[in-house]
Amino acid sequence: MMSLAAGHSVRKLVFANPSSVAENERDRIRERVRDAKQHLASQRPYNGSKRPIGFDVVDGRLVPNAND
């Protein structure tokens, strides 16, 4: 059985670690989605729907726009 003094530090560790893991997973998902969108934009012609923010249409293809 742990003492009350040790309980606080253990609780702090238990609650801090899952939030760090969740934050890391969120960042990884964000990077994968961004990379997938960039890959798809470079591989297929623009279909004429609304142009996504951050891209220009050049010769029927979406090209990343550094200014957006």
PDB file of N, CA and C in Angstrom:
ATOM      1  N   MET A   1       0.841  -1.180   0.000  1.00  0.00           N
ATOM      2  CA  MET A   1       0.000   0.000   0.000  1.00  0.00           C
ATOM      3  C   MET A   1       0.882   1.238   0.000  1.00  0.00           C
ATOM      4  N   MET A   2       0.553   2.213  -0.828  1.00  0.00           N
ATOM      5  CA  MET A   2       1.390   3.407  -0.887  1.00  0.00           C
ATOM      6  C   MET A   2       0.938   4.437   0.140  1.00  0.00           C
ATOM      7  N   SER A   3       1.887   5.260   0.566  1.00  0.00           N
ATOM      8  CA  SER A   3       1.554   6.283   1.549  1.00  0.00           C
ATOM      9  C   SER A   3       0.805   7.429   0.872  1.00  0.00           C
ATOM     10  N   LEU A   4       0.201   8.290   1.675  1.00  0.00           N
ATOM     11  CA  LEU A   4      -0.531   9.434   1.119  1.00  0.00           C
ATOM     12  C   LEU A   4       0.403  10.392   0.394  1.00  0.00           C
ATOM     13  N   ALA A   5       1.622  10.565   0.906  1.00  0.00           N
ATOM     14  CA  ALA A   5       2.576  11.474   0.271  1.00  0.00           C
ATOM     15  C   ALA A   5       2.965  10.966  -1.114  1.00  0.00           C
ATOM     16  N   ALA A   6       3.151   9.678  -1.247  1.00  0.00           N
ATOM     17  CA  ALA A   6       3.516   9.106  -2.544  1.00  0.00           C
ATOM     18  C   ALA A   6       2.323   9.108  -3.491  1.00  0.00           C
ATOM     19  N   GLY A   7       1.125   9.086  -2.953  1.00  0.00           N
ATOM     20  CA  GLY A   7      -0.075   9.040  -3.772  1.00  0.00           C
ATOM     21  C   GLY A   7      -0.208  10.226  -4.705  1.00  0.00           C
ATOM     22  N   HIS A   8       0.153  11.409  -4.242  1.00  0.00           N
ATOM     23  CA  HIS A   8       0.032  12.608  -5.071  1.00  0.00           C
ATOM     24  C   HIS A   8       0.938  12.528  -6.294  1.00  0.00           C
ATOM     25  N   SER A   9       2.178  12.139  -6.106  1.00  0.00           N
ATOM     26  CA  SER A   9       3.104  12.068  -7.235  1.00  0.00           C
ATOM     27  C   SER A   9       2.705  10.969  -8.215  1.00  0.00           C
ATOM     28  N   VAL A  10       2.184   9.876  -7.691  1.00  0.00           N
ATOM     29  CA  VAL A  10       1.735   8.786  -8.566  1.00  0.00           C
ATOM     30  C   VAL A  10       0.520   9.228  -9.366  1.00  0.00           C
ATOM     31  N   ARG A  11      -0.438   9.896  -8.709  1.00  0.00           N
ATOM     32  CA  ARG A  11      -1.621  10.402  -9.427  1.00  0.00           C
ATOM     33  C   ARG A  11      -1.196  11.379 -10.516  1.00  0.00           C
ATOM     34  N   LYS A  12      -0.245  12.241 -10.202  1.00  0.00           N
ATOM     35  CA  LYS A  12       0.239  13.222 -11.177  1.00  0.00           C
ATOM     36  C   LYS A  12       0.830  12.505 -12.391  1.00  0.00           C
ATOM     37  N   LEU A  13       1.612  11.480 -12.156  1.00  0.00           N
ATOM     38  CA  LEU A  13       2.214  10.711 -13.244  1.00  0.00           C
ATOM     39  C   LEU A  13       1.146   9.999 -14.062  1.00  0.00           C
ATOM     40  N   VAL A  14       0.186   9.389 -13.392  1.00  0.00           N
ATOM     41  CA  VAL A  14      -0.861   8.628 -14.084  1.00  0.00           C
ATOM     42  C   VAL A  14      -1.693   9.541 -14.977  1.00  0.00           C
ATOM     43  N   PHE A  15      -2.003  10.746 -14.528  1.00  0.00           N
ATOM     44  CA  PHE A  15      -2.826  11.649 -15.331  1.00  0.00           C
ATOM     45  C   PHE A  15      -2.015  12.399 -16.376  1.00  0.00           C
ATOM     46  N   ALA A  16      -0.753  12.671 -16.132  1.00  0.00           N
ATOM     47  CA  ALA A  16       0.072  13.406 -17.094  1.00  0.00           C
ATOM     48  C   ALA A  16       0.447  12.534 -18.280  1.00  0.00           C
ATOM     49  N   ASN A  17       0.762  11.278 -18.049  1.00  0.00           N
ATOM     50  CA  ASN A  17       1.222  10.408 -19.122  1.00  0.00           C
ATOM     51  C   ASN A  17       0.167  10.178 -20.202  1.00  0.00           C
ATOM     52  N   PRO A  18      -1.063   9.813 -19.884  1.00  0.00           N
ATOM     53  CA  PRO A  18      -2.056   9.616 -20.954  1.00  0.00           C
ATOM     54  C   PRO A  18      -2.309  10.882 -21.770  1.00  0.00           C
ATOM     55  N   SER A  19      -2.269  12.045 -21.126  1.00  0.00           N
ATOM     56  CA  SER A  19      -2.492  13.268 -21.892  1.00  0.00           C
ATOM     57  C   SER A  19      -1.332  13.519 -22.847  1.00  0.00           C
ATOM     58  N   SER A  20      -0.127  13.181 -22.464  1.00  0.00           N
ATOM     59  CA  SER A  20       1.023  13.318 -23.361  1.00  0.00           C
ATOM     60  C   SER A  20       0.920  12.349 -24.527  1.00  0.00           C
ATOM     61  N   VAL A  21       0.493  11.145 -24.245  1.00  0.00           N
ATOM     62  CA  VAL A  21       0.323  10.143 -25.303  1.00  0.00           C
ATOM     63  C   VAL A  21      -0.763  10.595 -26.272  1.00  0.00           C
ATOM     64  N   ALA A  22      -1.869  11.104 -25.755  1.00  0.00           N
ATOM     65  CA  ALA A  22      -2.967  11.569 -26.605  1.00  0.00           C
ATOM     66  C   ALA A  22      -2.524  12.750 -27.461  1.00  0.00           C
ATOM     67  N   GLU A  23      -1.766  13.665 -26.892  1.00  0.00           N
ATOM     68  CA  GLU A  23      -1.275  14.816 -27.653  1.00  0.00           C
ATOM     69  C   GLU A  23      -0.347  14.363 -28.772  1.00  0.00           C
ATOM     70  N   ASN A  24       0.523  13.408 -28.476  1.00  0.00           N
ATOM     71  CA  ASN A  24       1.426  12.884 -29.492  1.00  0.00           C
ATOM     72  C   ASN A  24       0.652  12.201 -30.608  1.00  0.00           C
ATOM     73  N   GLU A  25      -0.351  11.423 -30.267  1.00  0.00           N
ATOM     74  CA  GLU A  25      -1.160  10.735 -31.279  1.00  0.00           C
ATOM     75  C   GLU A  25      -1.908  11.739 -32.146  1.00  0.00           C
ATOM     76  N   ARG A  26      -2.441  12.791 -31.541  1.00  0.00           N
ATOM     77  CA  ARG A  26      -3.131  13.835 -32.302  1.00  0.00           C
ATOM     78  C   ARG A  26      -2.178  14.482 -33.304  1.00  0.00           C
ATOM     79  N   ASP A  27      -0.957  14.770 -32.887  1.00  0.00           N
ATOM     80  CA  ASP A  27       0.033  15.366 -33.784  1.00  0.00           C
ATOM     81  C   ASP A  27       0.378  14.426 -34.934  1.00  0.00           C
ATOM     82  N   ARG A  28       0.506  13.130 -34.642  1.00  0.00           N
ATOM     83  CA  ARG A  28       0.814  12.155 -35.694  1.00  0.00           C
ATOM     84  C   ARG A  28      -0.326  12.057 -36.704  1.00  0.00           C
ATOM     85  N   ILE A  29      -1.562  12.071 -36.223  1.00  0.00           N
ATOM     86  CA  ILE A  29      -2.719  12.024 -37.120  1.00  0.00           C
ATOM     87  C   ILE A  29      -2.737  13.262 -38.001  1.00  0.00           C
ATOM     88  N   ARG A  30      -2.503  14.427 -37.411  1.00  0.00           N
ATOM     89  CA  ARG A  30      -2.484  15.679 -38.175  1.00  0.00           C
ATOM     90  C   ARG A  30      -1.435  15.618 -39.287  1.00  0.00           C
ATOM     91  N   GLU A  31      -0.250  15.110 -38.983  1.00  0.00           N
ATOM     92  CA  GLU A  31       0.810  15.006 -39.989  1.00  0.00           C
ATOM     93  C   GLU A  31       0.433  14.034 -41.100  1.00  0.00           C
ATOM     94  N   ARG A  32      -0.160  12.892 -40.737  1.00  0.00           N
ATOM     95  CA  ARG A  32      -0.556  11.907 -41.757  1.00  0.00           C
ATOM     96  C   ARG A  32      -1.638  12.455 -42.674  1.00  0.00           C
ATOM     97  N   VAL A  33      -2.612  13.165 -42.118  1.00  0.00           N
ATOM     98  CA  VAL A  33      -3.679  13.744 -42.939  1.00  0.00           C
ATOM     99  C   VAL A  33      -3.101  14.795 -43.877  1.00  0.00           C
ATOM    100  N   ARG A  34      -2.229  15.658 -43.366  1.00  0.00           N
ATOM    101  CA  ARG A  34      -1.603  16.689 -44.199  1.00  0.00           C
ATOM    102  C   ARG A  34      -0.797  16.057 -45.332  1.00  0.00           C
ATOM    103  N   ASP A  35       0.002  15.052 -45.002  1.00  0.00           N
ATOM    104  CA  ASP A  35       0.817  14.385 -46.020  1.00  0.00           C
ATOM    105  C   ASP A  35      -0.048  13.696 -47.068  1.00  0.00           C
ATOM    106  N   ALA A  36      -1.138  13.069 -46.638  1.00  0.00           N
ATOM    107  CA  ALA A  36      -2.034  12.387 -47.583  1.00  0.00           C
ATOM    108  C   ALA A  36      -2.698  13.382 -48.520  1.00  0.00           C
ATOM    109  N   LYS A  37      -3.127  14.521 -48.004  1.00  0.00           N
ATOM    110  CA  LYS A  37      -3.754  15.542 -48.852  1.00  0.00           C
ATOM    111  C   LYS A  37      -2.757  16.084 -49.869  1.00  0.00           C
ATOM    112  N   GLN A  38      -1.533  16.321 -49.444  1.00  0.00           N
ATOM    113  CA  GLN A  38      -0.515  16.809 -50.374  1.00  0.00           C
ATOM    114  C   GLN A  38      -0.216  15.770 -51.443  1.00  0.00           C
ATOM    115  N   HIS A  39      -0.143  14.513 -51.060  1.00  0.00           N
ATOM    116  CA  HIS A  39       0.123  13.444 -52.020  1.00  0.00           C
ATOM    117  C   HIS A  39      -1.011  13.341 -53.037  1.00  0.00           C
ATOM    118  N   LEU A  40      -2.251  13.334 -52.561  1.00  0.00           N
ATOM    119  CA  LEU A  40      -3.389  13.238 -53.476  1.00  0.00           C
ATOM    120  C   LEU A  40      -3.449  14.435 -54.420  1.00  0.00           C
ATOM    121  N   ALA A  41      -3.150  15.612 -53.903  1.00  0.00           N
ATOM    122  CA  ALA A  41      -3.180  16.809 -54.743  1.00  0.00           C
ATOM    123  C   ALA A  41      -2.136  16.733 -55.844  1.00  0.00           C
ATOM    124  N   SER A  42      -1.019  16.087 -55.587  1.00  0.00           N
ATOM    125  CA  SER A  42       0.038  15.997 -56.600  1.00  0.00           C
ATOM    126  C   SER A  42      -0.201  14.862 -57.592  1.00  0.00           C
ATOM    127  N   GLN A  43      -1.076  13.907 -57.254  1.00  0.00           N
ATOM    128  CA  GLN A  43      -1.258  12.725 -58.083  1.00  0.00           C
ATOM    129  C   GLN A  43      -2.463  12.773 -59.015  1.00  0.00           C
ATOM    130  N   ARG A  44      -3.425  13.596 -58.737  1.00  0.00           N
ATOM    131  CA  ARG A  44      -4.628  13.572 -59.568  1.00  0.00           C
ATOM    132  C   ARG A  44      -4.978  14.976 -60.040  1.00  0.00           C
ATOM    133  N   PRO A  45      -5.629  15.060 -61.190  1.00  0.00           N
ATOM    134  CA  PRO A  45      -6.018  16.385 -61.678  1.00  0.00           C
ATOM    135  C   PRO A  45      -7.121  16.981 -60.815  1.00  0.00           C
ATOM    136  N   TYR A  46      -7.169  18.276 -60.809  1.00  0.00           N
ATOM    137  CA  TYR A  46      -8.185  19.006 -60.060  1.00  0.00           C
ATOM    138  C   TYR A  46      -9.537  18.764 -60.705  1.00  0.00           C
ATOM    139  N   ASN A  47     -10.546  18.425 -59.920  1.00  0.00           N
ATOM    140  CA  ASN A  47     -11.843  18.051 -60.479  1.00  0.00           C
ATOM    141  C   ASN A  47     -12.816  19.211 -60.646  1.00  0.00           C
ATOM    142  N   GLY A  48     -12.403  20.416 -60.338  1.00  0.00           N
ATOM    143  CA  GLY A  48     -13.250  21.578 -60.570  1.00  0.00           C
ATOM    144  C   GLY A  48     -14.132  21.979 -59.411  1.00  0.00           C
ATOM    145  N   SER A  49     -14.089  21.264 -58.317  1.00  0.00           N
ATOM    146  CA  SER A  49     -14.865  21.692 -57.154  1.00  0.00           C
ATOM    147  C   SER A  49     -14.147  22.872 -56.503  1.00  0.00           C
ATOM    148  N   LYS A  50     -14.620  23.298 -55.374  1.00  0.00           N
ATOM    149  CA  LYS A  50     -14.033  24.450 -54.691  1.00  0.00           C
ATOM    150  C   LYS A  50     -12.552  24.196 -54.394  1.00  0.00           C
ATOM    151  N   ARG A  51     -11.716  25.160 -54.759  1.00  0.00           N
ATOM    152  CA  ARG A  51     -10.272  25.040 -54.552  1.00  0.00           C
ATOM    153  C   ARG A  51      -9.964  25.044 -53.056  1.00  0.00           C
ATOM    154  N   PRO A  52      -9.214  24.055 -52.582  1.00  0.00           N
ATOM    155  CA  PRO A  52      -8.868  24.014 -51.157  1.00  0.00           C
ATOM    156  C   PRO A  52      -7.964  25.185 -50.770  1.00  0.00           C
ATOM    157  N   ILE A  53      -8.106  25.639 -49.548  1.00  0.00           N
ATOM    158  CA  ILE A  53      -7.254  26.710 -49.040  1.00  0.00           C
ATOM    159  C   ILE A  53      -5.815  26.216 -49.036  1.00  0.00           C
ATOM    160  N   GLY A  54      -4.914  27.055 -49.507  1.00  0.00           N
ATOM    161  CA  GLY A  54      -3.500  26.702 -49.520  1.00  0.00           C
ATOM    162  C   GLY A  54      -3.036  26.110 -50.836  1.00  0.00           C
ATOM    163  N   PHE A  55      -3.925  26.049 -51.834  1.00  0.00           N
ATOM    164  CA  PHE A  55      -3.577  25.486 -53.134  1.00  0.00           C
ATOM    165  C   PHE A  55      -4.026  26.413 -54.253  1.00  0.00           C
ATOM    166  N   ASP A  56      -3.295  26.400 -55.362  1.00  0.00           N
ATOM    167  CA  ASP A  56      -3.672  27.070 -56.601  1.00  0.00           C
ATOM    168  C   ASP A  56      -3.879  26.004 -57.658  1.00  0.00           C
ATOM    169  N   VAL A  57      -4.628  26.356 -58.712  1.00  0.00           N
ATOM    170  CA  VAL A  57      -4.834  25.438 -59.826  1.00  0.00           C
ATOM    171  C   VAL A  57      -3.916  25.877 -60.958  1.00  0.00           C
ATOM    172  N   VAL A  58      -2.982  25.003 -61.352  1.00  0.00           N
ATOM    173  CA  VAL A  58      -2.044  25.274 -62.437  1.00  0.00           C
ATOM    174  C   VAL A  58      -2.100  24.095 -63.395  1.00  0.00           C
ATOM    175  N   ASP A  59      -2.463  24.367 -64.646  1.00  0.00           N
ATOM    176  CA  ASP A  59      -2.577  23.318 -65.666  1.00  0.00           C
ATOM    177  C   ASP A  59      -3.466  22.163 -65.206  1.00  0.00           C
ATOM    178  N   GLY A  60      -4.578  22.484 -64.550  1.00  0.00           N
ATOM    179  CA  GLY A  60      -5.519  21.457 -64.132  1.00  0.00           C
ATOM    180  C   GLY A  60      -5.106  20.665 -62.907  1.00  0.00           C
ATOM    181  N   ARG A  61      -4.042  21.072 -62.247  1.00  0.00           N
ATOM    182  CA  ARG A  61      -3.568  20.363 -61.048  1.00  0.00           C
ATOM    183  C   ARG A  61      -3.513  21.333 -59.870  1.00  0.00           C
ATOM    184  N   LEU A  62      -3.705  20.786 -58.685  1.00  0.00           N
ATOM    185  CA  LEU A  62      -3.558  21.587 -57.476  1.00  0.00           C
ATOM    186  C   LEU A  62      -2.084  21.693 -57.127  1.00  0.00           C
ATOM    187  N   VAL A  63      -1.649  22.922 -56.864  1.00  0.00           N
ATOM    188  CA  VAL A  63      -0.258  23.181 -56.505  1.00  0.00           C
ATOM    189  C   VAL A  63      -0.265  23.923 -55.168  1.00  0.00           C
ATOM    190  N   PRO A  64       0.519  23.462 -54.186  1.00  0.00           N
ATOM    191  CA  PRO A  64       0.554  24.160 -52.897  1.00  0.00           C
ATOM    192  C   PRO A  64       0.953  25.617 -53.077  1.00  0.00           C
ATOM    193  N   ASN A  65       0.256  26.492 -52.370  1.00  0.00           N
ATOM    194  CA  ASN A  65       0.517  27.925 -52.428  1.00  0.00           C
ATOM    195  C   ASN A  65       1.181  28.331 -51.122  1.00  0.00           C
ATOM    196  N   ALA A  66       2.396  28.824 -51.212  1.00  0.00           N
ATOM    197  CA  ALA A  66       3.150  29.192 -50.010  1.00  0.00           C
ATOM    198  C   ALA A  66       2.573  30.436 -49.338  1.00  0.00           C
ATOM    199  N   ASN A  67       1.777  31.232 -50.058  1.00  0.00           N
ATOM    200  CA  ASN A  67       1.251  32.481 -49.505  1.00  0.00           C
ATOM    201  C   ASN A  67       0.027  32.284 -48.623  1.00  0.00           C
ATOM    202  N   ASP A  68      -0.695  31.182 -48.781  1.00  0.00           N
ATOM    203  CA  ASP A  68      -1.915  30.957 -47.984  1.00  0.00           C
ATOM    204  C   ASP A  68      -1.583  30.383 -46.642  1.00  0.00           C
TER     205      ASP A  68
END
